[in-house]
Each structure stands twice: as structure tokens, then as C-alpha cells.
Amino acid sequence: MDLDITADQHDLLTLCALRTDGATLDWSLLARSAPSSEGLAALMDGQLREDSRAATKNRPLLQQALATGLDDARARVDDELTAAGKAGARLVTVLDADYPANLRVIANLPPFLFYRGELDERDARSIAVVGTRQASEDGLRRAARMARELTEHDVVIASGLAKGIDAAAHQATLTAGGRTFAVMGTGIAAAVYPAENRPLAGAILSAGGALLSQFWPTSPPAKYTFPRRNVVTSGTTLGSVVIEASSTSGAKMQARLAAEHGKLVFLIRSLADTQPWAKKMLDEDRAILVTASSDITGRLGQAADIQAAGQQRQQLALAGL
């Protein structure tokens, strides 16, 4: 059963599905260019109003793709929507008021998210608890304690549904009766990855949480999907707390992304004491040392205020400011 979406949403997805000589358009550029019906109409007319290197590169690709026709792209979109509908998923785009407030402020935002479960205004006051898949027992305990203590202060916990630290954070939040959402590295209609966390994904949904994906619904796991997943995990939250991560961990990448996004980056003391990259971020004032959960909660605003600020940003975008 297909999703019930608007014509504008379908047009936005169609732009994302366009291909020219095997190349697709820059999705973040499309997301920045189409926060309103007027911006979307300009894109459908082959216009990119942004003055950037990305726009210069993508403008001829957009115009060539539109000249070739939209039939193939629209057929791809319809197939993906059918798959999403069968999976019980829904769609939110940058055109919509319920697009996550925190995600609007980053430059490399996705144009759409497919999701299962429920989006919630409380998600505006969220923190990502992340770390390595190859976690130590101490790391797993620290992740669980951090998630539990943040939950006690009405913080929504986000993570990436990976094994290790991510799974410990999600599970501890559920056990504490808190809200958690998972940002997936696969499409929303694809099998949950890793397979061992399929019961956890089900538990998140049963508890009223959400699974989010920025990919086409049928997308399988791939090498490129997990770094992109980190972008959204950072973007949907106010900040990221890294529990345990080596210099090659995706969690280290998320710390860097969060700093680039202007988000809060929290590094726990045991990480700072053992990882040179973490000590460097602290020395450069790009991160905050955490010795207690109050070091995090004391820096967070209220969900309603954050949500209102996100809506104000959308109104400014609609006004072309």
C-alpha cells in the first residue's frame, strides 16, 4: 500500500531520484534549496539559486536530467513508496513542519526521512549516546548509566542501532522508561542491520520510539551508508556524547561532525584519558569534558523552546530570508 504523500513531496523525491550519466544530484543542496513550494518550483524549472560550488556543479546536471524527462525517476519513487508503505513507514521532508527541528540547522541535512514509529516534539531535546561496536564491559556499563541518567532528566536518547555502545544506550533508555530513537544505516524497508538488533528495533517501536532513515526505503547496508547515518544522528540532536571510541571509530567521526554542525560534543573522562584524538578535541575547545551527566543536562534547553526555534527557522526559510 503506497504512502499518502503530497504532490510537492513527490516532486522533491523525484528530484532526488534523477540521474544523469550515472550521477545523482547533491541531496543536501536540494534540501537547502527546497524548503518551500516556491523553492521547489524553481528546482523543477531547473533553477538553483544558491551561490555555491555545489550549485555550480549541480546546475547543469539538474537541467540535463530534467530535459531527459522525469518518468524513470517518478517510477523509482513510486516503487520506493510502495516498499515503505508495506513496511508501515511514513515520510517527512524539509517541506513539512514536523521535520526534526535540530536537523534544519545543519548544512548537510537530508531532504527527507522515512520513519517507523512516532516523531515527537520532545525529540528536540535529545542527545546522541554513541561509541564503538567493539565495546568493553566498562564501556557498555558507562553507556547504560549515561543513557539512564539523561533519561531521568527528560532527555531523549538517540543512537545508531549498532551493536556495542549504541545498543547499550538504546536498551538502558527503554529499561528506564525513557524515549529513544534510532537512526538507521539502511533503508526503512530493508532488514534491520545488524540482525542481532532486530528485537531491539522492535522494542523501540513498541515503547513509542522511532526508527529513522535518510535513505531510499529498499537501500541495503553499504560502506557509505554508515558515515552518512552519523551525519543525521548528529544533526537530529543537540549534541553527542562519546563513550568509547578508537581513532578509526565512526563515533570519532560523529564527534567531528557534531563540532562542524555547531552541536555540543561531550567526551567522558575515561575516553579523554586513553584516546589522543579526544584529548586534542578538548585542548582545542571543540568538546566538553564530562565527569557527570549534569555536565550535559546543565547545557540543554527545553524541548518546546527548541521546537519553536526550529519552526522560526522554517518560517525564515519560507520567507526567503
C-alpha atoms as a PDB file:
ATOM      1  CA  MET A   1       0.000   0.000   0.000  1.00  0.00           C
ATOM      2  CA  ASP A   2       1.511   3.311  -1.118  1.00  0.00           C
ATOM      3  CA  LEU A   3       2.062   6.169   1.280  1.00  0.00           C
ATOM      4  CA  ASP A   4      -0.320   9.081   1.087  1.00  0.00           C
ATOM      5  CA  ILE A   5       2.001  11.950   0.174  1.00  0.00           C
ATOM      6  CA  THR A   6       1.559  15.397  -1.338  1.00  0.00           C
ATOM      7  CA  ALA A   7       2.430  16.392  -4.895  1.00  0.00           C
ATOM      8  CA  ASP A   8       5.229  18.604  -3.562  1.00  0.00           C
ATOM      9  CA  GLN A   9       6.698  15.735  -1.558  1.00  0.00           C
ATOM     10  CA  HIS A  10       6.580  13.530  -4.650  1.00  0.00           C
ATOM     11  CA  ASP A  11       8.335  16.210  -6.717  1.00  0.00           C
ATOM     12  CA  LEU A  12      11.089  16.516  -4.109  1.00  0.00           C
ATOM     13  CA  LEU A  13      11.649  12.759  -4.076  1.00  0.00           C
ATOM     14  CA  THR A  14      11.651  12.771  -7.884  1.00  0.00           C
ATOM     15  CA  LEU A  15      14.464  15.333  -7.913  1.00  0.00           C
ATOM     16  CA  CYS A  16      16.404  13.083  -5.547  1.00  0.00           C
ATOM     17  CA  ALA A  17      15.865  10.135  -7.903  1.00  0.00           C
ATOM     18  CA  LEU A  18      17.112  11.940 -11.035  1.00  0.00           C
ATOM     19  CA  ARG A  19      20.250  10.529 -12.635  1.00  0.00           C
ATOM     20  CA  THR A  20      22.492  11.962 -15.347  1.00  0.00           C
ATOM     21  CA  ASP A  21      25.156   9.681 -16.795  1.00  0.00           C
ATOM     22  CA  GLY A  22      25.018   7.639 -13.603  1.00  0.00           C
ATOM     23  CA  ALA A  23      25.372  10.687 -11.327  1.00  0.00           C
ATOM     24  CA  THR A  24      22.746  11.896  -8.882  1.00  0.00           C
ATOM     25  CA  LEU A  25      22.201  15.423  -7.655  1.00  0.00           C
ATOM     26  CA  ASP A  26      23.586  16.651  -4.319  1.00  0.00           C
ATOM     27  CA  TRP A  27      20.759  15.804  -1.923  1.00  0.00           C
ATOM     28  CA  SER A  28      21.817  18.335   0.706  1.00  0.00           C
ATOM     29  CA  LEU A  29      21.823  21.042  -1.947  1.00  0.00           C
ATOM     30  CA  LEU A  30      18.284  20.024  -2.897  1.00  0.00           C
ATOM     31  CA  ALA A  31      17.272  20.103   0.773  1.00  0.00           C
ATOM     32  CA  ARG A  32      18.672  23.613   1.228  1.00  0.00           C
ATOM     33  CA  SER A  33      17.044  24.819  -1.998  1.00  0.00           C
ATOM     34  CA  ALA A  34      13.547  23.414  -1.467  1.00  0.00           C
ATOM     35  CA  PRO A  35      12.194  24.384   1.957  1.00  0.00           C
ATOM     36  CA  SER A  36       9.137  25.979   0.318  1.00  0.00           C
ATOM     37  CA  SER A  37       6.805  25.418  -2.618  1.00  0.00           C
ATOM     38  CA  GLU A  38       8.459  28.348  -4.400  1.00  0.00           C
ATOM     39  CA  GLY A  39      11.932  26.903  -3.945  1.00  0.00           C
ATOM     40  CA  LEU A  40      10.742  23.507  -5.084  1.00  0.00           C
ATOM     41  CA  ALA A  41       9.090  25.013  -8.170  1.00  0.00           C
ATOM     42  CA  ALA A  42      12.363  26.725  -9.065  1.00  0.00           C
ATOM     43  CA  LEU A  43      14.191  23.400  -8.832  1.00  0.00           C
ATOM     44  CA  MET A  44      11.591  21.715 -11.020  1.00  0.00           C
ATOM     45  CA  ASP A  45      12.249  24.518 -13.522  1.00  0.00           C
ATOM     46  CA  GLY A  46      15.990  23.807 -13.466  1.00  0.00           C
ATOM     47  CA  GLN A  47      16.948  26.746 -11.275  1.00  0.00           C
ATOM     48  CA  LEU A  48      19.440  26.547  -8.413  1.00  0.00           C
ATOM     49  CA  ARG A  49      19.502  29.895  -6.639  1.00  0.00           C
ATOM     50  CA  GLU A  50      22.222  29.037  -4.153  1.00  0.00           C
ATOM     51  CA  ASP A  51      25.570  30.698  -4.860  1.00  0.00           C
ATOM     52  CA  SER A  52      27.982  27.887  -4.040  1.00  0.00           C
ATOM     53  CA  ARG A  53      30.436  25.491  -5.615  1.00  0.00           C
ATOM     54  CA  ALA A  54      27.897  22.698  -5.187  1.00  0.00           C
ATOM     55  CA  ALA A  55      25.255  24.698  -7.054  1.00  0.00           C
ATOM     56  CA  THR A  56      27.663  25.487  -9.898  1.00  0.00           C
ATOM     57  CA  LYS A  57      28.488  21.799 -10.242  1.00  0.00           C
ATOM     58  CA  ASN A  58      24.900  20.573  -9.981  1.00  0.00           C
ATOM     59  CA  ARG A  59      23.108  23.165 -12.107  1.00  0.00           C
ATOM     60  CA  PRO A  60      23.992  21.589 -15.486  1.00  0.00           C
ATOM     61  CA  LEU A  61      23.279  18.116 -14.091  1.00  0.00           C
ATOM     62  CA  LEU A  62      19.831  19.241 -12.938  1.00  0.00           C
ATOM     63  CA  GLN A  63      18.987  20.874 -16.240  1.00  0.00           C
ATOM     64  CA  GLN A  64      20.212  17.887 -18.259  1.00  0.00           C
ATOM     65  CA  ALA A  65      18.272  15.448 -16.098  1.00  0.00           C
ATOM     66  CA  LEU A  66      15.070  17.477 -16.382  1.00  0.00           C
ATOM     67  CA  ALA A  67      15.481  17.695 -20.159  1.00  0.00           C
ATOM     68  CA  THR A  68      15.787  13.906 -20.335  1.00  0.00           C
ATOM     69  CA  GLY A  69      12.460  13.518 -18.548  1.00  0.00           C
ATOM     70  CA  LEU A  70      11.050  12.514 -15.191  1.00  0.00           C
ATOM     71  CA  ASP A  71       9.379   9.200 -15.998  1.00  0.00           C
ATOM     72  CA  ASP A  72      12.150   6.916 -14.765  1.00  0.00           C
ATOM     73  CA  ALA A  73      12.661   8.955 -11.610  1.00  0.00           C
ATOM     74  CA  ARG A  74       8.949   9.028 -10.810  1.00  0.00           C
ATOM     75  CA  ALA A  75       8.723   5.264 -11.335  1.00  0.00           C
ATOM     76  CA  ARG A  76      11.647   4.769  -8.909  1.00  0.00           C
ATOM     77  CA  VAL A  77       9.930   6.971  -6.346  1.00  0.00           C
ATOM     78  CA  ASP A  78       6.652   5.059  -6.687  1.00  0.00           C
ATOM     79  CA  ASP A  79       8.422   1.729  -6.187  1.00  0.00           C
ATOM     80  CA  GLU A  80      10.174   3.015  -3.068  1.00  0.00           C
ATOM     81  CA  LEU A  81       6.961   4.472  -1.672  1.00  0.00           C
ATOM     82  CA  THR A  82       5.254   1.126  -2.163  1.00  0.00           C
ATOM     83  CA  ALA A  83       8.045  -0.606  -0.236  1.00  0.00           C
ATOM     84  CA  ALA A  84       7.843   1.989   2.538  1.00  0.00           C
ATOM     85  CA  GLY A  85       4.094   1.586   2.770  1.00  0.00           C
ATOM     86  CA  LYS A  86       4.373  -2.187   3.067  1.00  0.00           C
ATOM     87  CA  ALA A  87       6.871  -1.677   5.915  1.00  0.00           C
ATOM     88  CA  GLY A  88       4.438   0.577   7.762  1.00  0.00           C
ATOM     89  CA  ALA A  89       6.677   3.618   7.328  1.00  0.00           C
ATOM     90  CA  ARG A  90       5.846   7.266   6.857  1.00  0.00           C
ATOM     91  CA  LEU A  91       7.616  10.202   5.229  1.00  0.00           C
ATOM     92  CA  VAL A  92       8.707  13.625   6.419  1.00  0.00           C
ATOM     93  CA  THR A  93      10.537  16.137   4.225  1.00  0.00           C
ATOM     94  CA  VAL A  94      12.123  19.575   4.543  1.00  0.00           C
ATOM     95  CA  LEU A  95       8.824  20.936   3.217  1.00  0.00           C
ATOM     96  CA  ASP A  96       6.992  19.775   6.339  1.00  0.00           C
ATOM     97  CA  ALA A  97       6.512  21.439   9.729  1.00  0.00           C
ATOM     98  CA  ASP A  98       7.292  18.201  11.594  1.00  0.00           C
ATOM     99  CA  TYR A  99      10.723  17.775  10.007  1.00  0.00           C
ATOM    100  CA  PRO A 100      13.071  17.448  13.032  1.00  0.00           C
ATOM    101  CA  ALA A 101      13.876  20.906  14.397  1.00  0.00           C
ATOM    102  CA  ASN A 102      17.532  20.195  15.168  1.00  0.00           C
ATOM    103  CA  LEU A 103      18.166  18.816  11.693  1.00  0.00           C
ATOM    104  CA  ARG A 104      17.171  22.065   9.958  1.00  0.00           C
ATOM    105  CA  VAL A 105      20.232  23.930  11.223  1.00  0.00           C
ATOM    106  CA  ILE A 106      22.919  21.789   9.569  1.00  0.00           C
ATOM    107  CA  ALA A 107      24.166  22.459   6.043  1.00  0.00           C
ATOM    108  CA  ASN A 108      24.289  18.799   5.003  1.00  0.00           C
ATOM    109  CA  LEU A 109      20.719  17.983   6.007  1.00  0.00           C
ATOM    110  CA  PRO A 110      18.820  15.227   4.173  1.00  0.00           C
ATOM    111  CA  PRO A 111      15.838  16.263   2.028  1.00  0.00           C
ATOM    112  CA  PHE A 112      13.654  13.525   3.514  1.00  0.00           C
ATOM    113  CA  LEU A 113      13.385  10.914   6.231  1.00  0.00           C
ATOM    114  CA  PHE A 114      11.360   7.743   6.175  1.00  0.00           C
ATOM    115  CA  TYR A 115      10.399   6.600   9.636  1.00  0.00           C
ATOM    116  CA  ARG A 116       8.545   3.985  11.598  1.00  0.00           C
ATOM    117  CA  GLY A 117       7.015   4.765  14.949  1.00  0.00           C
ATOM    118  CA  GLU A 118       6.312   8.308  16.050  1.00  0.00           C
ATOM    119  CA  LEU A 119       8.112  11.610  15.746  1.00  0.00           C
ATOM    120  CA  ASP A 120       7.754  13.657  18.913  1.00  0.00           C
ATOM    121  CA  GLU A 121       8.371  17.288  19.790  1.00  0.00           C
ATOM    122  CA  ARG A 122      10.360  16.022  22.776  1.00  0.00           C
ATOM    123  CA  ASP A 123      13.000  14.826  20.308  1.00  0.00           C
ATOM    124  CA  ALA A 124      14.149  18.438  20.062  1.00  0.00           C
ATOM    125  CA  ARG A 125      15.756  17.893  23.497  1.00  0.00           C
ATOM    126  CA  SER A 126      17.817  14.887  22.543  1.00  0.00           C
ATOM    127  CA  ILE A 127      21.402  13.734  22.943  1.00  0.00           C
ATOM    128  CA  ALA A 128      23.158  11.060  20.906  1.00  0.00           C
ATOM    129  CA  VAL A 129      24.981   8.480  23.017  1.00  0.00           C
ATOM    130  CA  VAL A 130      27.478   6.787  20.722  1.00  0.00           C
ATOM    131  CA  GLY A 131      30.613   4.694  20.696  1.00  0.00           C
ATOM    132  CA  THR A 132      32.415   1.719  19.277  1.00  0.00           C
ATOM    133  CA  ARG A 133      30.808  -1.543  18.214  1.00  0.00           C
ATOM    134  CA  GLN A 134      33.681  -3.400  19.885  1.00  0.00           C
ATOM    135  CA  ALA A 135      32.868  -2.058  23.325  1.00  0.00           C
ATOM    136  CA  SER A 136      34.465  -3.148  26.583  1.00  0.00           C
ATOM    137  CA  GLU A 137      32.343  -4.200  29.531  1.00  0.00           C
ATOM    138  CA  ASP A 138      33.241  -0.905  31.212  1.00  0.00           C
ATOM    139  CA  GLY A 139      32.181   0.962  28.092  1.00  0.00           C
ATOM    140  CA  LEU A 140      28.821  -0.803  27.975  1.00  0.00           C
ATOM    141  CA  ARG A 141      28.204  -0.001  31.648  1.00  0.00           C
ATOM    142  CA  ARG A 142      29.130   3.646  31.137  1.00  0.00           C
ATOM    143  CA  ALA A 143      26.841   3.930  28.115  1.00  0.00           C
ATOM    144  CA  ALA A 144      23.943   2.418  30.024  1.00  0.00           C
ATOM    145  CA  ARG A 145      24.496   4.672  33.038  1.00  0.00           C
ATOM    146  CA  MET A 146      24.775   7.792  30.867  1.00  0.00           C
ATOM    147  CA  ALA A 147      21.583   6.975  28.975  1.00  0.00           C
ATOM    148  CA  ARG A 148      19.732   6.193  32.207  1.00  0.00           C
ATOM    149  CA  GLU A 149      20.814   9.396  33.948  1.00  0.00           C
ATOM    150  CA  LEU A 150      19.980  11.567  30.948  1.00  0.00           C
ATOM    151  CA  THR A 151      16.596   9.887  30.688  1.00  0.00           C
ATOM    152  CA  GLU A 152      15.922  10.798  34.328  1.00  0.00           C
ATOM    153  CA  HIS A 153      16.313  14.451  33.236  1.00  0.00           C
ATOM    154  CA  ASP A 154      13.798  14.107  30.376  1.00  0.00           C
ATOM    155  CA  VAL A 155      16.449  13.887  27.677  1.00  0.00           C
ATOM    156  CA  VAL A 156      15.561  11.791  24.624  1.00  0.00           C
ATOM    157  CA  ILE A 157      18.350   9.367  23.723  1.00  0.00           C
ATOM    158  CA  ALA A 158      19.380   8.887  20.101  1.00  0.00           C
ATOM    159  CA  SER A 159      21.854   6.404  18.705  1.00  0.00           C
ATOM    160  CA  GLY A 160      22.584   4.367  15.604  1.00  0.00           C
ATOM    161  CA  LEU A 161      21.227   0.897  16.437  1.00  0.00           C
ATOM    162  CA  ALA A 162      24.702  -0.617  16.038  1.00  0.00           C
ATOM    163  CA  LYS A 163      25.948  -3.321  18.362  1.00  0.00           C
ATOM    164  CA  GLY A 164      28.059  -2.262  21.317  1.00  0.00           C
ATOM    165  CA  ILE A 165      27.630   1.214  22.785  1.00  0.00           C
ATOM    166  CA  ASP A 166      24.613   2.139  20.612  1.00  0.00           C
ATOM    167  CA  ALA A 167      22.627  -0.925  21.643  1.00  0.00           C
ATOM    168  CA  ALA A 168      23.521  -0.434  25.319  1.00  0.00           C
ATOM    169  CA  ALA A 169      22.283   3.173  25.198  1.00  0.00           C
ATOM    170  CA  HIS A 170      19.006   2.266  23.487  1.00  0.00           C
ATOM    171  CA  GLN A 171      18.340  -0.650  25.834  1.00  0.00           C
ATOM    172  CA  ALA A 172      19.123   1.282  29.017  1.00  0.00           C
ATOM    173  CA  THR A 173      16.753   4.050  27.922  1.00  0.00           C
ATOM    174  CA  LEU A 174      13.956   1.562  27.332  1.00  0.00           C
ATOM    175  CA  THR A 175      14.596  -0.124  30.686  1.00  0.00           C
ATOM    176  CA  ALA A 176      14.407   3.273  32.378  1.00  0.00           C
ATOM    177  CA  GLY A 177      11.104   4.044  30.684  1.00  0.00           C
ATOM    178  CA  GLY A 178      12.566   6.813  28.539  1.00  0.00           C
ATOM    179  CA  ARG A 179      12.188   7.714  24.880  1.00  0.00           C
ATOM    180  CA  THR A 180      14.773   6.698  22.311  1.00  0.00           C
ATOM    181  CA  PHE A 181      15.021   6.843  18.542  1.00  0.00           C
ATOM    182  CA  ALA A 182      17.440   5.059  16.247  1.00  0.00           C
ATOM    183  CA  VAL A 183      18.982   6.472  13.081  1.00  0.00           C
ATOM    184  CA  MET A 184      19.466   3.560  10.718  1.00  0.00           C
ATOM    185  CA  GLY A 185      22.260   2.845   8.275  1.00  0.00           C
ATOM    186  CA  THR A 186      19.833   1.099   5.917  1.00  0.00           C
ATOM    187  CA  GLY A 187      16.551   1.847   4.230  1.00  0.00           C
ATOM    188  CA  ILE A 188      13.436   1.747   6.394  1.00  0.00           C
ATOM    189  CA  ALA A 189      12.026  -1.224   4.446  1.00  0.00           C
ATOM    190  CA  ALA A 190      15.291  -3.184   4.451  1.00  0.00           C
ATOM    191  CA  ALA A 191      16.111  -5.758   7.099  1.00  0.00           C
ATOM    192  CA  VAL A 192      17.357  -4.228  10.355  1.00  0.00           C
ATOM    193  CA  TYR A 193      21.144  -4.267  10.491  1.00  0.00           C
ATOM    194  CA  PRO A 194      22.780  -5.837  12.395  1.00  0.00           C
ATOM    195  CA  ALA A 195      20.337  -8.734  12.571  1.00  0.00           C
ATOM    196  CA  GLU A 196      21.049  -9.234  16.275  1.00  0.00           C
ATOM    197  CA  ASN A 197      19.415  -5.853  16.976  1.00  0.00           C
ATOM    198  CA  ARG A 198      16.103  -6.623  15.267  1.00  0.00           C
ATOM    199  CA  PRO A 199      14.446  -7.381  18.639  1.00  0.00           C
ATOM    200  CA  LEU A 200      15.836  -4.086  19.966  1.00  0.00           C
ATOM    201  CA  ALA A 201      14.364  -2.207  16.993  1.00  0.00           C
ATOM    202  CA  GLY A 202      11.010  -3.825  17.724  1.00  0.00           C
ATOM    203  CA  ALA A 203      11.265  -2.863  21.383  1.00  0.00           C
ATOM    204  CA  ILE A 204      11.995   0.767  20.456  1.00  0.00           C
ATOM    205  CA  LEU A 205       8.830   0.856  18.341  1.00  0.00           C
ATOM    206  CA  SER A 206       6.745  -0.921  20.976  1.00  0.00           C
ATOM    207  CA  ALA A 207       7.803   1.686  23.544  1.00  0.00           C
ATOM    208  CA  GLY A 208       6.642   4.560  21.329  1.00  0.00           C
ATOM    209  CA  GLY A 209      10.061   5.457  19.926  1.00  0.00           C
ATOM    210  CA  ALA A 210      11.087   5.714  16.305  1.00  0.00           C
ATOM    211  CA  LEU A 211      13.377   4.324  13.624  1.00  0.00           C
ATOM    212  CA  LEU A 212      14.602   6.955  11.133  1.00  0.00           C
ATOM    213  CA  SER A 213      16.290   6.547   7.755  1.00  0.00           C
ATOM    214  CA  GLN A 214      17.570   9.113   5.267  1.00  0.00           C
ATOM    215  CA  PHE A 215      17.949   6.516   2.501  1.00  0.00           C
ATOM    216  CA  TRP A 216      15.620   5.078  -0.122  1.00  0.00           C
ATOM    217  CA  PRO A 217      13.460   2.534   1.715  1.00  0.00           C
ATOM    218  CA  THR A 218      14.929  -0.529  -0.019  1.00  0.00           C
ATOM    219  CA  SER A 219      18.583   0.515   0.469  1.00  0.00           C
ATOM    220  CA  PRO A 220      20.740  -2.283   1.946  1.00  0.00           C
ATOM    221  CA  PRO A 221      23.682  -1.624   4.275  1.00  0.00           C
ATOM    222  CA  ALA A 222      26.749  -0.355   2.432  1.00  0.00           C
ATOM    223  CA  LYS A 223      30.115   1.147   3.277  1.00  0.00           C
ATOM    224  CA  TYR A 224      28.898   4.683   2.535  1.00  0.00           C
ATOM    225  CA  THR A 225      25.604   4.467   4.433  1.00  0.00           C
ATOM    226  CA  PHE A 226      27.056   4.406   7.940  1.00  0.00           C
ATOM    227  CA  PRO A 227      29.106   7.637   7.726  1.00  0.00           C
ATOM    228  CA  ARG A 228      26.009   9.328   6.295  1.00  0.00           C
ATOM    229  CA  ARG A 229      23.973   7.886   9.158  1.00  0.00           C
ATOM    230  CA  ASN A 230      26.368   9.635  11.557  1.00  0.00           C
ATOM    231  CA  VAL A 231      25.512  12.978   9.931  1.00  0.00           C
ATOM    232  CA  VAL A 232      21.830  12.557  10.752  1.00  0.00           C
ATOM    233  CA  THR A 233      22.477  11.136  14.224  1.00  0.00           C
ATOM    234  CA  SER A 234      24.436  14.304  14.975  1.00  0.00           C
ATOM    235  CA  GLY A 235      22.006  16.580  13.169  1.00  0.00           C
ATOM    236  CA  THR A 236      18.822  15.372  14.860  1.00  0.00           C
ATOM    237  CA  THR A 237      20.238  16.019  18.337  1.00  0.00           C
ATOM    238  CA  LEU A 238      21.524  18.928  20.403  1.00  0.00           C
ATOM    239  CA  GLY A 239      24.820  17.151  20.886  1.00  0.00           C
ATOM    240  CA  SER A 240      26.691  13.868  21.039  1.00  0.00           C
ATOM    241  CA  VAL A 241      28.334  12.182  23.997  1.00  0.00           C
ATOM    242  CA  VAL A 242      31.047   9.715  23.024  1.00  0.00           C
ATOM    243  CA  ILE A 243      31.557   6.885  25.497  1.00  0.00           C
ATOM    244  CA  GLU A 244      34.286   4.742  23.950  1.00  0.00           C
ATOM    245  CA  ALA A 245      35.873   5.136  20.508  1.00  0.00           C
ATOM    246  CA  SER A 246      39.215   4.499  18.850  1.00  0.00           C
ATOM    247  CA  SER A 247      40.802   6.800  16.283  1.00  0.00           C
ATOM    248  CA  THR A 248      39.127   4.792  13.484  1.00  0.00           C
ATOM    249  CA  SER A 249      35.673   4.563  15.048  1.00  0.00           C
ATOM    250  CA  GLY A 250      32.584   6.033  13.460  1.00  0.00           C
ATOM    251  CA  ALA A 251      31.878   7.642  16.829  1.00  0.00           C
ATOM    252  CA  LYS A 252      35.038   9.722  16.445  1.00  0.00           C
ATOM    253  CA  MET A 253      33.676  10.820  13.064  1.00  0.00           C
ATOM    254  CA  GLN A 254      30.399  11.760  14.718  1.00  0.00           C
ATOM    255  CA  ALA A 255      32.237  13.885  17.279  1.00  0.00           C
ATOM    256  CA  ARG A 256      33.907  15.751  14.424  1.00  0.00           C
ATOM    257  CA  LEU A 257      30.612  16.130  12.555  1.00  0.00           C
ATOM    258  CA  ALA A 258      28.841  17.393  15.662  1.00  0.00           C
ATOM    259  CA  ALA A 259      31.533  20.040  16.140  1.00  0.00           C
ATOM    260  CA  GLU A 260      31.177  21.064  12.487  1.00  0.00           C
ATOM    261  CA  HIS A 261      27.402  21.239  12.925  1.00  0.00           C
ATOM    262  CA  GLY A 262      27.802  23.619  15.859  1.00  0.00           C
ATOM    263  CA  LYS A 263      26.391  20.972  18.195  1.00  0.00           C
ATOM    264  CA  LEU A 264      27.658  20.172  21.666  1.00  0.00           C
ATOM    265  CA  VAL A 265      30.360  17.490  21.818  1.00  0.00           C
ATOM    266  CA  PHE A 266      30.741  15.672  25.134  1.00  0.00           C
ATOM    267  CA  LEU A 267      33.635  13.332  25.853  1.00  0.00           C
ATOM    268  CA  ILE A 268      33.769  11.291  29.053  1.00  0.00           C
ATOM    269  CA  ARG A 269      36.924  11.330  31.147  1.00  0.00           C
ATOM    270  CA  SER A 270      37.934   7.708  30.527  1.00  0.00           C
ATOM    271  CA  LEU A 271      37.884   8.406  26.787  1.00  0.00           C
ATOM    272  CA  ALA A 272      39.912  11.600  27.151  1.00  0.00           C
ATOM    273  CA  ASP A 273      42.466   9.767  29.290  1.00  0.00           C
ATOM    274  CA  THR A 274      43.025   6.997  26.736  1.00  0.00           C
ATOM    275  CA  GLN A 275      42.447   8.486  23.267  1.00  0.00           C
ATOM    276  CA  PRO A 276      44.738  11.225  21.866  1.00  0.00           C
ATOM    277  CA  TRP A 277      42.055  12.395  19.420  1.00  0.00           C
ATOM    278  CA  ALA A 278      39.680  13.061  22.326  1.00  0.00           C
ATOM    279  CA  LYS A 279      42.315  14.934  24.325  1.00  0.00           C
ATOM    280  CA  LYS A 280      43.054  17.052  21.225  1.00  0.00           C
ATOM    281  CA  MET A 281      39.392  17.998  20.794  1.00  0.00           C
ATOM    282  CA  LEU A 282      39.258  19.068  24.428  1.00  0.00           C
ATOM    283  CA  ASP A 283      42.516  21.017  24.161  1.00  0.00           C
ATOM    284  CA  GLU A 284      41.153  22.846  21.116  1.00  0.00           C
ATOM    285  CA  ASP A 285      37.894  23.686  22.935  1.00  0.00           C
ATOM    286  CA  ARG A 286      35.872  21.715  20.396  1.00  0.00           C
ATOM    287  CA  ALA A 287      34.484  19.416  23.073  1.00  0.00           C
ATOM    288  CA  ILE A 288      33.381  19.428  26.708  1.00  0.00           C
ATOM    289  CA  LEU A 289      34.774  17.056  29.318  1.00  0.00           C
ATOM    290  CA  VAL A 290      32.060  15.087  31.104  1.00  0.00           C
ATOM    291  CA  THR A 291      32.567  13.870  34.640  1.00  0.00           C
ATOM    292  CA  ALA A 292      28.851  13.648  35.481  1.00  0.00           C
ATOM    293  CA  SER A 293      25.609  13.724  33.495  1.00  0.00           C
ATOM    294  CA  SER A 294      24.904  17.178  34.963  1.00  0.00           C
ATOM    295  CA  ASP A 295      27.738  18.469  32.744  1.00  0.00           C
ATOM    296  CA  ILE A 296      25.375  17.686  29.865  1.00  0.00           C
ATOM    297  CA  THR A 297      21.919  18.445  31.245  1.00  0.00           C
ATOM    298  CA  GLY A 298      23.018  21.833  32.515  1.00  0.00           C
ATOM    299  CA  ARG A 299      23.667  22.937  28.949  1.00  0.00           C
ATOM    300  CA  LEU A 300      20.362  21.871  27.395  1.00  0.00           C
ATOM    301  CA  GLY A 301      17.301  23.980  26.752  1.00  0.00           C
ATOM    302  CA  GLN A 302      13.673  22.882  26.944  1.00  0.00           C
ATOM    303  CA  ALA A 303      12.108  20.887  24.120  1.00  0.00           C
ATOM    304  CA  ALA A 304       9.289  23.389  23.500  1.00  0.00           C
ATOM    305  CA  ASP A 305      11.737  26.294  23.131  1.00  0.00           C
ATOM    306  CA  ILE A 306      13.982  24.303  20.789  1.00  0.00           C
ATOM    307  CA  GLN A 307      10.989  23.224  18.704  1.00  0.00           C
ATOM    308  CA  ALA A 308       9.773  26.837  18.489  1.00  0.00           C
ATOM    309  CA  ALA A 309      13.219  27.950  17.295  1.00  0.00           C
ATOM    310  CA  GLY A 310      13.132  25.263  14.601  1.00  0.00           C
ATOM    311  CA  GLN A 311       9.726  26.446  13.422  1.00  0.00           C
ATOM    312  CA  GLN A 312      11.015  30.015  13.333  1.00  0.00           C
ATOM    313  CA  ARG A 313      13.933  28.886  11.145  1.00  0.00           C
ATOM    314  CA  GLN A 314      11.450  27.236   8.798  1.00  0.00           C
ATOM    315  CA  GLN A 315       9.383  30.415   8.560  1.00  0.00           C
ATOM    316  CA  LEU A 316      12.509  32.421   7.724  1.00  0.00           C
ATOM    317  CA  ALA A 317      13.342  29.894   5.021  1.00  0.00           C
ATOM    318  CA  LEU A 318       9.823  30.108   3.615  1.00  0.00           C
ATOM    319  CA  ALA A 319      10.131  33.875   3.537  1.00  0.00           C
ATOM    320  CA  GLY A 320      13.374  33.561   1.588  1.00  0.00           C
ATOM    321  CA  LEU A 321      15.464  35.206   4.293  1.00  0.00           C
END
